[in-house]
Amino acid sequence: MKEGQRLWTRDELLVAINLYCKLPFGQLHKGNPEIIRLAALLGRTPSSIALKLVNFASLDPSLDRVGMSNASKLDRQVWAEFYADWAGRVLESEQRLAEAQHLTLEEVAEQYEPLPPQPVGRMKEQLVKVRVNQQFFRRTVLAAYDNTCCVTGLRQPALLVAGHIRPWAVDEANRLNPRNGLALNALHDRAFELGLFTIRPDDYVIEVAPSVRLSSRPDAQSAGALLGQYHGQALRLPARRRFLPDPEFLDWHRTKWKSTHV
C-alpha cells in the first residue's frame, strides 16, 4: 500500500458493490458522476472507486472474464458474502450508503415514493425495506440490460419494469438476485407472468404459447400480433452477459409454461 493510502473497510466495500450492481458495465470509469459522488461520500478519489468496481467485475461469476484481478482478500470475502446472500447484503449495503449520506432508510425510501401515512412501527419498517430493496433490484436489472426491454428492444426506462423469473412470493432467497430478473416493458412483463411466453434456458430463445400464436379467436388475435412476432427470437442478453438470466430459474418458468400450454 502506498504512503498516504488507507485500507478499505467492509462497510465501504459493501457500498462500492452496491454501486457496481447499479451501473451499466461500460460506465465503470472515474468520470462517471455517480462514481464521483460516491468518492466524495467515502473520502476517496474517483480513480480508486473505479478501480475497485473493475476489481469486482473480475470477481463476478456472471460476467465474461475481464482480465486479471487485483482484488484483495477482503474484496473477495465481501463479494462472496454479497453474492451468496442478496437479500441480506443488499439491505445492509443500502443502510451503509444511507449512513454515508447522513440519511435514514426511511428518508431514502421517501425519495422514491412518499410512504403512506398509516403504517407505523414494524409495519412501516417492513414497507421501507421492501421499497428500498425493490429499487435496488430495478436499478440493477435495468442497468444490466442497458435500460432496454430484452424482448422488444424498447429503450424507454419509464416504461420498463424489472420482472422476476421466479416470482417475489415464490423464492424469497432470490428476490433481489439480478439473475432472477428480466428488463421488460410492462405489457410483456405481464405476459411473461401469465405464461403467455417463456424463454428456453439452453439458448435464451423466446417461445410464445401456441394458444396465443395460433388462436382464431378475435380477442386472442390482438395478443398474437403483439407477442407472436417474437416467437423464435433470441432474447436480448445483458452486456458482457453480466447478470445473465439463471438457466435454473428459466427452467422453472418453462416447466410451468409447458404444463399449461404444451
Foldseek 3Di string as FASTA:
>chain_A
DDPPDDDDDLLLLLLLVLVLLLAAPVQLQLVRPVLCVSCVLVVHHSHVSSLLSVLLQCVFPQFDHDDDHPDDPSNNVSSVVCLQFVLPSQLSNVQSVCVSVVHHLQVVLVVVPNDDPPDDDPRVVVVSSVSSLLVSLFSSLCSQLVCAQQQPRDRDNVQWGWAFLQDCVGDVRCNRQNLRTGIHGPVVSVCLVVLQWAAQLPQQAIAGFCCQQPDPDPVSPVVNVVPVVRHRPHTRAGVSSRSHRHSVSRVVSVVVSVVPRD
